[in-house]
Amino acid sequence: MMDKASNAAQSAKEPCQDAGAQMQAKAQGAADAIKDATGMNK
């Protein structure tokens, strides 16, 4: 029974982590784009 509960918790956690990673990647991409635009990324 505990295994099922921990599996459910684990599978519920993963999409949140994926979303967080995607937002982090988007933020990083936006920061890089701004650096490129302002010529700071050398």
Protein backbone atom coordinates (compact mmCIF):
# COMPACT_ATOMS: atom_id res chain seq x y z
CA MET A 1 0.00 0.00 0.00
CA MET A 2 2.80 2.44 0.86
CA ASP A 3 4.46 1.68 -2.47
CA LYS A 4 1.36 2.80 -4.35
CA ALA A 5 1.20 6.00 -2.34
CA SER A 6 4.86 6.82 -2.89
CA ASN A 7 4.56 5.99 -6.60
CA ALA A 8 1.60 8.35 -6.89
CA ALA A 9 3.52 11.07 -5.08
CA GLN A 10 6.54 10.52 -7.32
CA SER A 11 4.52 10.67 -10.55
CA ALA A 12 2.74 13.79 -9.29
CA LYS A 13 6.08 15.42 -8.54
CA GLU A 14 7.67 14.80 -11.93
CA PRO A 15 5.43 17.06 -14.08
CA CYS A 16 6.06 19.89 -11.63
CA GLN A 17 9.81 19.39 -11.97
CA ASP A 18 9.50 19.30 -15.76
CA ALA A 19 7.52 22.54 -15.76
CA GLY A 20 10.11 24.13 -13.49
CA ALA A 21 12.93 23.01 -15.75
CA GLN A 22 11.12 24.33 -18.82
CA MET A 23 10.54 27.72 -17.17
CA GLN A 24 14.19 27.83 -16.13
CA ALA A 25 15.28 27.06 -19.68
CA LYS A 26 12.95 29.73 -21.08
CA ALA A 27 14.25 32.29 -18.60
CA GLN A 28 17.83 31.37 -19.50
CA GLY A 29 17.01 31.66 -23.21
CA ALA A 30 15.41 35.07 -22.66
CA ALA A 31 18.45 36.26 -20.69
CA ASP A 32 20.75 35.07 -23.48
CA ALA A 33 18.60 36.78 -26.11
CA ILE A 34 18.78 40.07 -24.16
CA LYS A 35 22.58 39.71 -23.83
CA ASP A 36 22.82 39.10 -27.58
CA ALA A 37 20.64 42.10 -28.33
CA THR A 38 22.64 44.40 -26.07
CA GLY A 39 26.00 42.98 -27.20
CA MET A 40 26.96 41.81 -23.70
CA ASN A 41 27.26 38.15 -24.68
CA LYS A 42 30.87 37.99 -25.84
